Amino acid sequence: MLTREADASRYTLTRDGVLLSVLDYHDDGRTMALTRAFTVPSFRGSGYAAIVVAGAVDDIAARGDRRIDAVCWYVADWFDAHPERADLLRVR
């Protein structure tokens, strides 16, 4: 289950109550800087980071009031692999 934990400035991905992956962010009211994707070491290689990033991008797009700054290298690579979502990126 993907959850946005606004108080902790992160998205979490869990399965059966077990934490799999986390995506930290900083929200300044206009842009959400996605700063760090992390998967618990024992769950790495299962695609969970991609799931949490895709879910966060979908959530941000659905809210419709923020741009995304891909600060984390993994998030930047995810956007490179999904150019159809580039319209959400903050233009520098």
PDB file of N, CA and C in Angstrom:
ATOM      1  N   MET A   1       0.834  -1.170   0.000  1.00  0.00           N
ATOM      2  CA  MET A   1       0.000   0.000   0.000  1.00  0.00           C
ATOM      3  C   MET A   1       0.886   1.244   0.000  1.00  0.00           C
ATOM      4  N   LEU A   2       0.567   2.172  -0.888  1.00  0.00           N
ATOM      5  CA  LEU A   2       1.290   3.442  -0.963  1.00  0.00           C
ATOM      6  C   LEU A   2       0.560   4.465  -0.103  1.00  0.00           C
ATOM      7  N   THR A   3       1.321   5.164   0.743  1.00  0.00           N
ATOM      8  CA  THR A   3       0.751   6.169   1.639  1.00  0.00           C
ATOM      9  C   THR A   3       1.593   7.432   1.582  1.00  0.00           C
ATOM     10  N   ARG A   4       0.920   8.583   1.469  1.00  0.00           N
ATOM     11  CA  ARG A   4       1.631   9.855   1.612  1.00  0.00           C
ATOM     12  C   ARG A   4       1.538  10.253   3.073  1.00  0.00           C
ATOM     13  N   GLU A   5       2.688  10.359   3.722  1.00  0.00           N
ATOM     14  CA  GLU A   5       2.768  10.758   5.119  1.00  0.00           C
ATOM     15  C   GLU A   5       3.234  12.209   5.148  1.00  0.00           C
ATOM     16  N   ALA A   6       2.271  13.130   5.026  1.00  0.00           N
ATOM     17  CA  ALA A   6       2.595  14.554   4.909  1.00  0.00           C
ATOM     18  C   ALA A   6       3.366  15.065   6.121  1.00  0.00           C
ATOM     19  N   ASP A   7       3.044  14.597   7.312  1.00  0.00           N
ATOM     20  CA  ASP A   7       3.744  15.057   8.517  1.00  0.00           C
ATOM     21  C   ASP A   7       5.220  14.685   8.507  1.00  0.00           C
ATOM     22  N   ALA A   8       5.555  13.582   7.826  1.00  0.00           N
ATOM     23  CA  ALA A   8       6.944  13.125   7.740  1.00  0.00           C
ATOM     24  C   ALA A   8       7.585  13.490   6.404  1.00  0.00           C
ATOM     25  N   SER A   9       6.835  14.147   5.527  1.00  0.00           N
ATOM     26  CA  SER A   9       7.320  14.525   4.191  1.00  0.00           C
ATOM     27  C   SER A   9       7.884  13.324   3.438  1.00  0.00           C
ATOM     28  N   ARG A  10       7.055  12.281   3.349  1.00  0.00           N
ATOM     29  CA  ARG A  10       7.493  11.090   2.631  1.00  0.00           C
ATOM     30  C   ARG A  10       6.306  10.275   2.153  1.00  0.00           C
ATOM     31  N   TYR A  11       6.588   9.472   1.134  1.00  0.00           N
ATOM     32  CA  TYR A  11       5.671   8.437   0.682  1.00  0.00           C
ATOM     33  C   TYR A  11       6.259   7.111   1.152  1.00  0.00           C
ATOM     34  N   THR A  12       5.405   6.211   1.601  1.00  0.00           N
ATOM     35  CA  THR A  12       5.883   4.893   2.002  1.00  0.00           C
ATOM     36  C   THR A  12       5.122   3.819   1.235  1.00  0.00           C
ATOM     37  N   LEU A  13       5.826   2.738   0.968  1.00  0.00           N
ATOM     38  CA  LEU A  13       5.231   1.560   0.350  1.00  0.00           C
ATOM     39  C   LEU A  13       5.365   0.423   1.340  1.00  0.00           C
ATOM     40  N   THR A  14       4.221  -0.149   1.718  1.00  0.00           N
ATOM     41  CA  THR A  14       4.217  -1.264   2.664  1.00  0.00           C
ATOM     42  C   THR A  14       3.434  -2.438   2.076  1.00  0.00           C
ATOM     43  N   ARG A  15       3.730  -3.609   2.607  1.00  0.00           N
ATOM     44  CA  ARG A  15       2.971  -4.822   2.265  1.00  0.00           C
ATOM     45  C   ARG A  15       2.764  -5.586   3.555  1.00  0.00           C
ATOM     46  N   ASP A  16       1.520  -5.847   3.886  1.00  0.00           N
ATOM     47  CA  ASP A  16       1.184  -6.555   5.127  1.00  0.00           C
ATOM     48  C   ASP A  16       1.825  -5.888   6.339  1.00  0.00           C
ATOM     49  N   GLY A  17       1.849  -4.551   6.331  1.00  0.00           N
ATOM     50  CA  GLY A  17       2.387  -3.797   7.455  1.00  0.00           C
ATOM     51  C   GLY A  17       3.899  -3.708   7.510  1.00  0.00           C
ATOM     52  N   VAL A  18       4.582  -4.264   6.516  1.00  0.00           N
ATOM     53  CA  VAL A  18       6.045  -4.249   6.482  1.00  0.00           C
ATOM     54  C   VAL A  18       6.501  -3.149   5.516  1.00  0.00           C
ATOM     55  N   LEU A  19       7.383  -2.287   5.991  1.00  0.00           N
ATOM     56  CA  LEU A  19       7.911  -1.208   5.161  1.00  0.00           C
ATOM     57  C   LEU A  19       8.837  -1.774   4.089  1.00  0.00           C
ATOM     58  N   LEU A  20       8.573  -1.409   2.824  1.00  0.00           N
ATOM     59  CA  LEU A  20       9.382  -1.871   1.699  1.00  0.00           C
ATOM     60  C   LEU A  20      10.268  -0.767   1.142  1.00  0.00           C
ATOM     61  N   SER A  21       9.672   0.423   0.934  1.00  0.00           N
ATOM     62  CA  SER A  21      10.397   1.498   0.274  1.00  0.00           C
ATOM     63  C   SER A  21       9.845   2.847   0.731  1.00  0.00           C
ATOM     64  N   VAL A  22      10.704   3.870   0.644  1.00  0.00           N
ATOM     65  CA  VAL A  22      10.360   5.224   1.085  1.00  0.00           C
ATOM     66  C   VAL A  22      10.832   6.216   0.022  1.00  0.00           C
ATOM     67  N   LEU A  23      10.045   7.266  -0.187  1.00  0.00           N
ATOM     68  CA  LEU A  23      10.444   8.376  -1.037  1.00  0.00           C
ATOM     69  C   LEU A  23      10.261   9.652  -0.227  1.00  0.00           C
ATOM     70  N   ASP A  24      11.375  10.308   0.111  1.00  0.00           N
ATOM     71  CA  ASP A  24      11.334  11.558   0.865  1.00  0.00           C
ATOM     72  C   ASP A  24      11.122  12.729  -0.089  1.00  0.00           C
ATOM     73  N   TYR A  25      10.461  13.770   0.420  1.00  0.00           N
ATOM     74  CA  TYR A  25      10.247  14.961  -0.396  1.00  0.00           C
ATOM     75  C   TYR A  25      10.280  16.215   0.466  1.00  0.00           C
ATOM     76  N   HIS A  26      10.436  17.334  -0.224  1.00  0.00           N
ATOM     77  CA  HIS A  26      10.307  18.655   0.390  1.00  0.00           C
ATOM     78  C   HIS A  26       9.278  19.410  -0.439  1.00  0.00           C
ATOM     79  N   ASP A  27       8.260  19.947   0.222  1.00  0.00           N
ATOM     80  CA  ASP A  27       7.168  20.639  -0.456  1.00  0.00           C
ATOM     81  C   ASP A  27       7.195  22.114  -0.061  1.00  0.00           C
ATOM     82  N   ASP A  28       7.416  22.995  -1.035  1.00  0.00           N
ATOM     83  CA  ASP A  28       7.458  24.429  -0.732  1.00  0.00           C
ATOM     84  C   ASP A  28       6.149  25.140  -1.095  1.00  0.00           C
ATOM     85  N   GLY A  29       5.115  24.360  -1.438  1.00  0.00           N
ATOM     86  CA  GLY A  29       3.831  24.944  -1.801  1.00  0.00           C
ATOM     87  C   GLY A  29       3.622  25.095  -3.294  1.00  0.00           C
ATOM     88  N   ARG A  30       4.698  25.068  -4.057  1.00  0.00           N
ATOM     89  CA  ARG A  30       4.624  25.137  -5.520  1.00  0.00           C
ATOM     90  C   ARG A  30       5.281  23.929  -6.170  1.00  0.00           C
ATOM     91  N   THR A  31       6.354  23.450  -5.530  1.00  0.00           N
ATOM     92  CA  THR A  31       7.148  22.355  -6.086  1.00  0.00           C
ATOM     93  C   THR A  31       7.383  21.296  -5.011  1.00  0.00           C
ATOM     94  N   MET A  32       7.292  20.039  -5.427  1.00  0.00           N
ATOM     95  CA  MET A  32       7.677  18.950  -4.533  1.00  0.00           C
ATOM     96  C   MET A  32       9.021  18.421  -5.026  1.00  0.00           C
ATOM     97  N   ALA A  33      10.051  18.647  -4.244  1.00  0.00           N
ATOM     98  CA  ALA A  33      11.385  18.130  -4.551  1.00  0.00           C
ATOM     99  C   ALA A  33      11.446  16.708  -4.021  1.00  0.00           C
ATOM    100  N   LEU A  34      11.572  15.750  -4.913  1.00  0.00           N
ATOM    101  CA  LEU A  34      11.684  14.345  -4.522  1.00  0.00           C
ATOM    102  C   LEU A  34      13.165  14.085  -4.265  1.00  0.00           C
ATOM    103  N   THR A  35      13.516  13.965  -2.989  1.00  0.00           N
ATOM    104  CA  THR A  35      14.916  14.061  -2.582  1.00  0.00           C
ATOM    105  C   THR A  35      15.640  12.747  -2.367  1.00  0.00           C
ATOM    106  N   ARG A  36      14.915  11.670  -2.017  1.00  0.00           N
ATOM    107  CA  ARG A  36      15.621  10.422  -1.753  1.00  0.00           C
ATOM    108  C   ARG A  36      14.665   9.251  -1.845  1.00  0.00           C
ATOM    109  N   ALA A  37      14.998   8.306  -2.708  1.00  0.00           N
ATOM    110  CA  ALA A  37      14.279   7.036  -2.779  1.00  0.00           C
ATOM    111  C   ALA A  37      15.136   5.990  -2.080  1.00  0.00           C
ATOM    112  N   PHE A  38      14.495   5.197  -1.230  1.00  0.00           N
ATOM    113  CA  PHE A  38      15.224   4.186  -0.461  1.00  0.00           C
ATOM    114  C   PHE A  38      14.372   2.937  -0.363  1.00  0.00           C
ATOM    115  N   THR A  39      14.988   1.798  -0.621  1.00  0.00           N
ATOM    116  CA  THR A  39      14.331   0.507  -0.421  1.00  0.00           C
ATOM    117  C   THR A  39      15.085  -0.239   0.665  1.00  0.00           C
ATOM    118  N   VAL A  40      14.338  -0.827   1.575  1.00  0.00           N
ATOM    119  CA  VAL A  40      14.935  -1.632   2.636  1.00  0.00           C
ATOM    120  C   VAL A  40      15.828  -2.683   1.977  1.00  0.00           C
ATOM    121  N   PRO A  41      17.087  -2.815   2.427  1.00  0.00           N
ATOM    122  CA  PRO A  41      18.050  -3.683   1.727  1.00  0.00           C
ATOM    123  C   PRO A  41      17.553  -5.093   1.417  1.00  0.00           C
ATOM    124  N   SER A  42      16.821  -5.707   2.319  1.00  0.00           N
ATOM    125  CA  SER A  42      16.371  -7.082   2.064  1.00  0.00           C
ATOM    126  C   SER A  42      15.308  -7.169   0.969  1.00  0.00           C
ATOM    127  N   PHE A  43      14.751  -6.015   0.549  1.00  0.00           N
ATOM    128  CA  PHE A  43      13.737  -6.006  -0.501  1.00  0.00           C
ATOM    129  C   PHE A  43      14.238  -5.395  -1.808  1.00  0.00           C
ATOM    130  N   ARG A  44      15.499  -5.030  -1.877  1.00  0.00           N
ATOM    131  CA  ARG A  44      16.048  -4.413  -3.088  1.00  0.00           C
ATOM    132  C   ARG A  44      16.020  -5.394  -4.259  1.00  0.00           C
ATOM    133  N   GLY A  45      15.897  -4.836  -5.455  1.00  0.00           N
ATOM    134  CA  GLY A  45      15.879  -5.662  -6.667  1.00  0.00           C
ATOM    135  C   GLY A  45      14.503  -6.161  -7.040  1.00  0.00           C
ATOM    136  N   SER A  46      13.482  -5.729  -6.306  1.00  0.00           N
ATOM    137  CA  SER A  46      12.109  -6.173  -6.573  1.00  0.00           C
ATOM    138  C   SER A  46      11.250  -5.113  -7.240  1.00  0.00           C
ATOM    139  N   GLY A  47      11.842  -3.962  -7.547  1.00  0.00           N
ATOM    140  CA  GLY A  47      11.106  -2.907  -8.233  1.00  0.00           C
ATOM    141  C   GLY A  47      10.285  -2.010  -7.327  1.00  0.00           C
ATOM    142  N   TYR A  48      10.492  -2.101  -6.017  1.00  0.00           N
ATOM    143  CA  TYR A  48       9.680  -1.310  -5.097  1.00  0.00           C
ATOM    144  C   TYR A  48       9.956   0.191  -5.195  1.00  0.00           C
ATOM    145  N   ALA A  49      11.186   0.587  -5.451  1.00  0.00           N
ATOM    146  CA  ALA A  49      11.485   2.017  -5.600  1.00  0.00           C
ATOM    147  C   ALA A  49      10.715   2.584  -6.788  1.00  0.00           C
ATOM    148  N   ALA A  50      10.659   1.849  -7.877  1.00  0.00           N
ATOM    149  CA  ALA A  50       9.905   2.312  -9.048  1.00  0.00           C
ATOM    150  C   ALA A  50       8.418   2.432  -8.728  1.00  0.00           C
ATOM    151  N   ILE A  51       7.902   1.516  -7.937  1.00  0.00           N
ATOM    152  CA  ILE A  51       6.487   1.563  -7.565  1.00  0.00           C
ATOM    153  C   ILE A  51       6.193   2.787  -6.708  1.00  0.00           C
ATOM    154  N   VAL A  52       7.059   3.072  -5.725  1.00  0.00           N
ATOM    155  CA  VAL A  52       6.811   4.219  -4.852  1.00  0.00           C
ATOM    156  C   VAL A  52       6.964   5.527  -5.627  1.00  0.00           C
ATOM    157  N   VAL A  53       7.924   5.613  -6.543  1.00  0.00           N
ATOM    158  CA  VAL A  53       8.088   6.830  -7.346  1.00  0.00           C
ATOM    159  C   VAL A  53       6.881   7.014  -8.270  1.00  0.00           C
ATOM    160  N   ALA A  54       6.472   5.967  -8.954  1.00  0.00           N
ATOM    161  CA  ALA A  54       5.311   6.067  -9.852  1.00  0.00           C
ATOM    162  C   ALA A  54       4.055   6.460  -9.079  1.00  0.00           C
ATOM    163  N   GLY A  55       3.876   5.889  -7.912  1.00  0.00           N
ATOM    164  CA  GLY A  55       2.714   6.230  -7.098  1.00  0.00           C
ATOM    165  C   GLY A  55       2.742   7.670  -6.632  1.00  0.00           C
ATOM    166  N   ALA A  56       3.916   8.148  -6.237  1.00  0.00           N
ATOM    167  CA  ALA A  56       4.054   9.537  -5.807  1.00  0.00           C
ATOM    168  C   ALA A  56       3.782  10.480  -6.978  1.00  0.00           C
ATOM    169  N   VAL A  57       4.324  10.176  -8.133  1.00  0.00           N
ATOM    170  CA  VAL A  57       4.102  11.006  -9.327  1.00  0.00           C
ATOM    171  C   VAL A  57       2.611  11.036  -9.661  1.00  0.00           C
ATOM    172  N   ASP A  58       1.947   9.896  -9.595  1.00  0.00           N
ATOM    173  CA  ASP A  58       0.503   9.850  -9.854  1.00  0.00           C
ATOM    174  C   ASP A  58      -0.262  10.702  -8.840  1.00  0.00           C
ATOM    175  N   ASP A  59       0.127  10.628  -7.570  1.00  0.00           N
ATOM    176  CA  ASP A  59      -0.532  11.403  -6.524  1.00  0.00           C
ATOM    177  C   ASP A  59      -0.342  12.900  -6.747  1.00  0.00           C
ATOM    178  N   ILE A  60       0.878  13.297  -7.051  1.00  0.00           N
ATOM    179  CA  ILE A  60       1.172  14.709  -7.285  1.00  0.00           C
ATOM    180  C   ILE A  60       0.408  15.213  -8.508  1.00  0.00           C
ATOM    181  N   ALA A  61       0.367  14.412  -9.559  1.00  0.00           N
ATOM    182  CA  ALA A  61      -0.377  14.793 -10.770  1.00  0.00           C
ATOM    183  C   ALA A  61      -1.863  14.934 -10.468  1.00  0.00           C
ATOM    184  N   ALA A  62      -2.412  14.029  -9.683  1.00  0.00           N
ATOM    185  CA  ALA A  62      -3.836  14.072  -9.355  1.00  0.00           C
ATOM    186  C   ALA A  62      -4.180  15.303  -8.527  1.00  0.00           C
ATOM    187  N   ARG A  63      -3.273  15.722  -7.673  1.00  0.00           N
ATOM    188  CA  ARG A  63      -3.504  16.924  -6.872  1.00  0.00           C
ATOM    189  C   ARG A  63      -3.509  18.156  -7.767  1.00  0.00           C
ATOM    190  N   GLY A  64      -2.663  18.156  -8.793  1.00  0.00           N
ATOM    191  CA  GLY A  64      -2.687  19.180  -9.818  1.00  0.00           C
ATOM    192  C   GLY A  64      -2.164  20.553  -9.444  1.00  0.00           C
ATOM    193  N   ASP A  65      -1.562  20.708  -8.283  1.00  0.00           N
ATOM    194  CA  ASP A  65      -1.140  22.037  -7.852  1.00  0.00           C
ATOM    195  C   ASP A  65       0.356  22.151  -7.576  1.00  0.00           C
ATOM    196  N   ARG A  66       1.132  21.148  -8.001  1.00  0.00           N
ATOM    197  CA  ARG A  66       2.565  21.155  -7.752  1.00  0.00           C
ATOM    198  C   ARG A  66       3.317  20.704  -9.000  1.00  0.00           C
ATOM    199  N   ARG A  67       4.535  21.182  -9.125  1.00  0.00           N
ATOM    200  CA  ARG A  67       5.499  20.667 -10.093  1.00  0.00           C
ATOM    201  C   ARG A  67       6.433  19.750  -9.316  1.00  0.00           C
ATOM    202  N   ILE A  68       7.232  18.989 -10.029  1.00  0.00           N
ATOM    203  CA  ILE A  68       8.168  18.050  -9.407  1.00  0.00           C
ATOM    204  C   ILE A  68       9.592  18.453  -9.744  1.00  0.00           C
ATOM    205  N   ASP A  69      10.437  18.436  -8.733  1.00  0.00           N
ATOM    206  CA  ASP A  69      11.871  18.632  -8.915  1.00  0.00           C
ATOM    207  C   ASP A  69      12.532  17.296  -8.585  1.00  0.00           C
ATOM    208  N   ALA A  70      13.105  16.650  -9.591  1.00  0.00           N
ATOM    209  CA  ALA A  70      13.719  15.319  -9.428  1.00  0.00           C
ATOM    210  C   ALA A  70      15.135  15.480  -8.885  1.00  0.00           C
ATOM    211  N   VAL A  71      15.264  15.690  -7.578  1.00  0.00           N
ATOM    212  CA  VAL A  71      16.555  15.885  -6.939  1.00  0.00           C
ATOM    213  C   VAL A  71      17.313  14.560  -6.829  1.00  0.00           C
ATOM    214  N   CYS A  72      16.631  13.517  -6.449  1.00  0.00           N
ATOM    215  CA  CYS A  72      17.232  12.188  -6.283  1.00  0.00           C
ATOM    216  C   CYS A  72      17.599  11.603  -7.657  1.00  0.00           C
ATOM    217  N   TRP A  73      18.780  11.011  -7.748  1.00  0.00           N
ATOM    218  CA  TRP A  73      19.226  10.426  -9.021  1.00  0.00           C
ATOM    219  C   TRP A  73      18.255   9.353  -9.503  1.00  0.00           C
ATOM    220  N   TYR A  74      17.692   8.567  -8.577  1.00  0.00           N
ATOM    221  CA  TYR A  74      16.786   7.498  -8.986  1.00  0.00           C
ATOM    222  C   TYR A  74      15.512   8.090  -9.602  1.00  0.00           C
ATOM    223  N   VAL A  75      15.004   9.149  -9.004  1.00  0.00           N
ATOM    224  CA  VAL A  75      13.811   9.804  -9.531  1.00  0.00           C
ATOM    225  C   VAL A  75      14.105  10.405 -10.904  1.00  0.00           C
ATOM    226  N   ALA A  76      15.275  11.030 -11.056  1.00  0.00           N
ATOM    227  CA  ALA A  76      15.659  11.583 -12.362  1.00  0.00           C
ATOM    228  C   ALA A  76      15.736  10.475 -13.414  1.00  0.00           C
ATOM    229  N   ASP A  77      16.317   9.330 -13.060  1.00  0.00           N
ATOM    230  CA  ASP A  77      16.372   8.196 -13.990  1.00  0.00           C
ATOM    231  C   ASP A  77      14.969   7.689 -14.319  1.00  0.00           C
ATOM    232  N   TRP A  78      14.079   7.684 -13.328  1.00  0.00           N
ATOM    233  CA  TRP A  78      12.704   7.239 -13.554  1.00  0.00           C
ATOM    234  C   TRP A  78      12.036   8.148 -14.592  1.00  0.00           C
ATOM    235  N   PHE A  79      12.230   9.455 -14.455  1.00  0.00           N
ATOM    236  CA  PHE A  79      11.650  10.383 -15.433  1.00  0.00           C
ATOM    237  C   PHE A  79      12.278  10.202 -16.809  1.00  0.00           C
ATOM    238  N   ASP A  80      13.566   9.894 -16.877  1.00  0.00           N
ATOM    239  CA  ASP A  80      14.197   9.611 -18.172  1.00  0.00           C
ATOM    240  C   ASP A  80      13.543   8.413 -18.845  1.00  0.00           C
ATOM    241  N   ALA A  81      13.146   7.426 -18.044  1.00  0.00           N
ATOM    242  CA  ALA A  81      12.505   6.223 -18.572  1.00  0.00           C
ATOM    243  C   ALA A  81      11.014   6.427 -18.852  1.00  0.00           C
ATOM    244  N   HIS A  82      10.443   7.519 -18.350  1.00  0.00           N
ATOM    245  CA  HIS A  82       9.017   7.819 -18.524  1.00  0.00           C
ATOM    246  C   HIS A  82       8.837   9.255 -19.036  1.00  0.00           C
ATOM    247  N   PRO A  83       9.318   9.532 -20.241  1.00  0.00           N
ATOM    248  CA  PRO A  83       9.248  10.907 -20.766  1.00  0.00           C
ATOM    249  C   PRO A  83       7.818  11.431 -20.897  1.00  0.00           C
ATOM    250  N   GLU A  84       6.848  10.553 -20.938  1.00  0.00           N
ATOM    251  CA  GLU A  84       5.456  10.987 -21.025  1.00  0.00           C
ATOM    252  C   GLU A  84       4.997  11.722 -19.761  1.00  0.00           C
ATOM    253  N   ARG A  85       5.758  11.629 -18.686  1.00  0.00           N
ATOM    254  CA  ARG A  85       5.418  12.320 -17.436  1.00  0.00           C
ATOM    255  C   ARG A  85       6.234  13.597 -17.238  1.00  0.00           C
ATOM    256  N   ALA A  86       7.075  13.943 -18.207  1.00  0.00           N
ATOM    257  CA  ALA A  86       7.978  15.096 -18.082  1.00  0.00           C
ATOM    258  C   ALA A  86       7.231  16.420 -17.931  1.00  0.00           C
ATOM    259  N   ASP A  87       5.967  16.454 -18.312  1.00  0.00           N
ATOM    260  CA  ASP A  87       5.196  17.688 -18.164  1.00  0.00           C
ATOM    261  C   ASP A  87       5.023  18.099 -16.705  1.00  0.00           C
ATOM    262  N   LEU A  88       5.281  17.172 -15.785  1.00  0.00           N
ATOM    263  CA  LEU A  88       5.147  17.464 -14.358  1.00  0.00           C
ATOM    264  C   LEU A  88       6.413  18.082 -13.772  1.00  0.00           C
ATOM    265  N   LEU A  89       7.511  18.015 -14.512  1.00  0.00           N
ATOM    266  CA  LEU A  89       8.790  18.501 -13.983  1.00  0.00           C
ATOM    267  C   LEU A  89       8.839  20.017 -13.950  1.00  0.00           C
ATOM    268  N   ARG A  90       9.473  20.523 -12.925  1.00  0.00           N
ATOM    269  CA  ARG A  90       9.706  21.967 -12.806  1.00  0.00           C
ATOM    270  C   ARG A  90      10.709  22.373 -13.873  1.00  0.00           C
ATOM    271  N   VAL A  91      10.415  23.438 -14.571  1.00  0.00           N
ATOM    272  CA  VAL A  91      11.326  23.948 -15.588  1.00  0.00           C
ATOM    273  C   VAL A  91      12.313  24.874 -14.897  1.00  0.00           C
ATOM    274  N   ARG A  92      13.593  24.618 -15.130  1.00  0.00           N
ATOM    275  CA  ARG A  92      14.632  25.434 -14.488  1.00  0.00           C
ATOM    276  C   ARG A  92      15.076  26.535 -15.407  1.00  0.00           C
TER     277      ARG A  92
END
